[in-house]
Amino acid sequence: VGDRFSIADLTAASLFYPVVLPPEFPYRVPSKVPARGREFIATLAVRPGGRWIAEMYARHRSAGGVRRIVV
């Protein structure tokens, strides 16, 4: 929503991480994806939505992008 990271961005990136399988994803991902599935995922990852997901993970889950909120 706008130029700020929001709960909507977090939700979308969390739901669609399998499209990109970003290295910043904090949990182990099953490696036994059939070849046709990997090919399909690769076609999605290069599309604008896939690039957006990768950017959100890189920006907000990488060591430099993680922000801790103290309440």
C-alpha atoms as a PDB file:
ATOM      1  CA  VAL A   1       0.000   0.000   0.000  1.00  0.00           C
ATOM      2  CA  GLY A   2       1.786   3.112  -1.152  1.00  0.00           C
ATOM      3  CA  ASP A   3       5.537   3.377  -0.635  1.00  0.00           C
ATOM      4  CA  ARG A   4       5.644   1.854   2.847  1.00  0.00           C
ATOM      5  CA  PHE A   5       5.928  -1.816   3.724  1.00  0.00           C
ATOM      6  CA  SER A   6       2.582  -2.892   5.143  1.00  0.00           C
ATOM      7  CA  ILE A   7       0.794  -5.961   6.444  1.00  0.00           C
ATOM      8  CA  ALA A   8      -0.635  -6.362   2.932  1.00  0.00           C
ATOM      9  CA  ASP A   9       2.897  -6.645   1.521  1.00  0.00           C
ATOM     10  CA  LEU A  10       3.874  -9.119   4.228  1.00  0.00           C
ATOM     11  CA  THR A  11       0.796 -11.245   3.565  1.00  0.00           C
ATOM     12  CA  ALA A  12       1.277 -11.324  -0.206  1.00  0.00           C
ATOM     13  CA  ALA A  13       4.989 -12.137   0.003  1.00  0.00           C
ATOM     14  CA  SER A  14       4.324 -14.856   2.591  1.00  0.00           C
ATOM     15  CA  LEU A  15       1.633 -16.528   0.518  1.00  0.00           C
ATOM     16  CA  PHE A  16       3.487 -16.371  -2.773  1.00  0.00           C
ATOM     17  CA  TYR A  17       7.047 -17.241  -1.660  1.00  0.00           C
ATOM     18  CA  PRO A  18       6.853 -20.616  -3.522  1.00  0.00           C
ATOM     19  CA  VAL A  19       6.791 -18.646  -6.787  1.00  0.00           C
ATOM     20  CA  VAL A  20      10.305 -17.354  -6.129  1.00  0.00           C
ATOM     21  CA  LEU A  21      11.761 -19.529  -3.346  1.00  0.00           C
ATOM     22  CA  PRO A  22      13.919 -16.608  -2.167  1.00  0.00           C
ATOM     23  CA  PRO A  23      17.152 -17.445  -0.340  1.00  0.00           C
ATOM     24  CA  GLU A  24      15.995 -15.225   2.530  1.00  0.00           C
ATOM     25  CA  PHE A  25      13.019 -17.488   3.277  1.00  0.00           C
ATOM     26  CA  PRO A  26      13.742 -18.633   6.841  1.00  0.00           C
ATOM     27  CA  TYR A  27      12.495 -22.235   6.606  1.00  0.00           C
ATOM     28  CA  ARG A  28      13.641 -25.283   4.705  1.00  0.00           C
ATOM     29  CA  VAL A  29      11.799 -25.772   1.436  1.00  0.00           C
ATOM     30  CA  PRO A  30      11.260 -29.293   0.070  1.00  0.00           C
ATOM     31  CA  SER A  31      13.816 -29.919  -2.667  1.00  0.00           C
ATOM     32  CA  LYS A  32      11.861 -32.660  -4.422  1.00  0.00           C
ATOM     33  CA  VAL A  33       9.927 -30.502  -6.845  1.00  0.00           C
ATOM     34  CA  PRO A  34       9.347 -32.281 -10.181  1.00  0.00           C
ATOM     35  CA  ALA A  35      11.179 -30.830 -13.197  1.00  0.00           C
ATOM     36  CA  ARG A  36       7.949 -29.540 -14.775  1.00  0.00           C
ATOM     37  CA  GLY A  37       7.080 -27.811 -11.517  1.00  0.00           C
ATOM     38  CA  ARG A  38      10.501 -26.120 -11.369  1.00  0.00           C
ATOM     39  CA  GLU A  39      10.093 -24.977 -14.978  1.00  0.00           C
ATOM     40  CA  PHE A  40       6.668 -23.509 -14.217  1.00  0.00           C
ATOM     41  CA  ILE A  41       7.940 -21.756 -11.090  1.00  0.00           C
ATOM     42  CA  ALA A  42      10.858 -20.308 -13.076  1.00  0.00           C
ATOM     43  CA  THR A  43       8.447 -18.731 -15.572  1.00  0.00           C
ATOM     44  CA  LEU A  44       6.531 -17.083 -12.714  1.00  0.00           C
ATOM     45  CA  ALA A  45       9.629 -15.873 -10.893  1.00  0.00           C
ATOM     46  CA  VAL A  46      10.725 -13.641 -13.783  1.00  0.00           C
ATOM     47  CA  ARG A  47       7.356 -11.933 -14.121  1.00  0.00           C
ATOM     48  CA  PRO A  48       6.749  -8.580 -12.377  1.00  0.00           C
ATOM     49  CA  GLY A  49       4.937 -10.217  -9.455  1.00  0.00           C
ATOM     50  CA  GLY A  50       7.728 -12.729  -8.954  1.00  0.00           C
ATOM     51  CA  ARG A  51      10.341  -9.996  -9.044  1.00  0.00           C
ATOM     52  CA  TRP A  52       8.318  -8.022  -6.487  1.00  0.00           C
ATOM     53  CA  ILE A  53       8.213 -11.030  -4.132  1.00  0.00           C
ATOM     54  CA  ALA A  54      11.974 -11.512  -4.450  1.00  0.00           C
ATOM     55  CA  GLU A  55      12.525  -7.813  -3.783  1.00  0.00           C
ATOM     56  CA  MET A  56      10.326  -7.873  -0.667  1.00  0.00           C
ATOM     57  CA  TYR A  57      12.273 -10.821   0.766  1.00  0.00           C
ATOM     58  CA  ALA A  58      15.638  -9.285  -0.123  1.00  0.00           C
ATOM     59  CA  ARG A  59      14.689  -5.917   1.330  1.00  0.00           C
ATOM     60  CA  HIS A  60      12.898  -7.035   4.483  1.00  0.00           C
ATOM     61  CA  ARG A  61      14.339 -10.466   5.338  1.00  0.00           C
ATOM     62  CA  SER A  62      18.028 -10.018   4.526  1.00  0.00           C
ATOM     63  CA  ALA A  63      20.414  -9.302   7.395  1.00  0.00           C
ATOM     64  CA  GLY A  64      20.500  -5.612   6.506  1.00  0.00           C
ATOM     65  CA  GLY A  65      16.750  -5.326   5.976  1.00  0.00           C
ATOM     66  CA  VAL A  66      15.402  -7.001   9.102  1.00  0.00           C
ATOM     67  CA  ARG A  67      13.831  -4.510  11.422  1.00  0.00           C
ATOM     68  CA  ARG A  68      12.999  -5.469  14.958  1.00  0.00           C
ATOM     69  CA  ILE A  69      10.107  -3.678  16.600  1.00  0.00           C
ATOM     70  CA  VAL A  70      10.361  -3.279  20.359  1.00  0.00           C
ATOM     71  CA  VAL A  71       7.092  -2.606  22.135  1.00  0.00           C
END
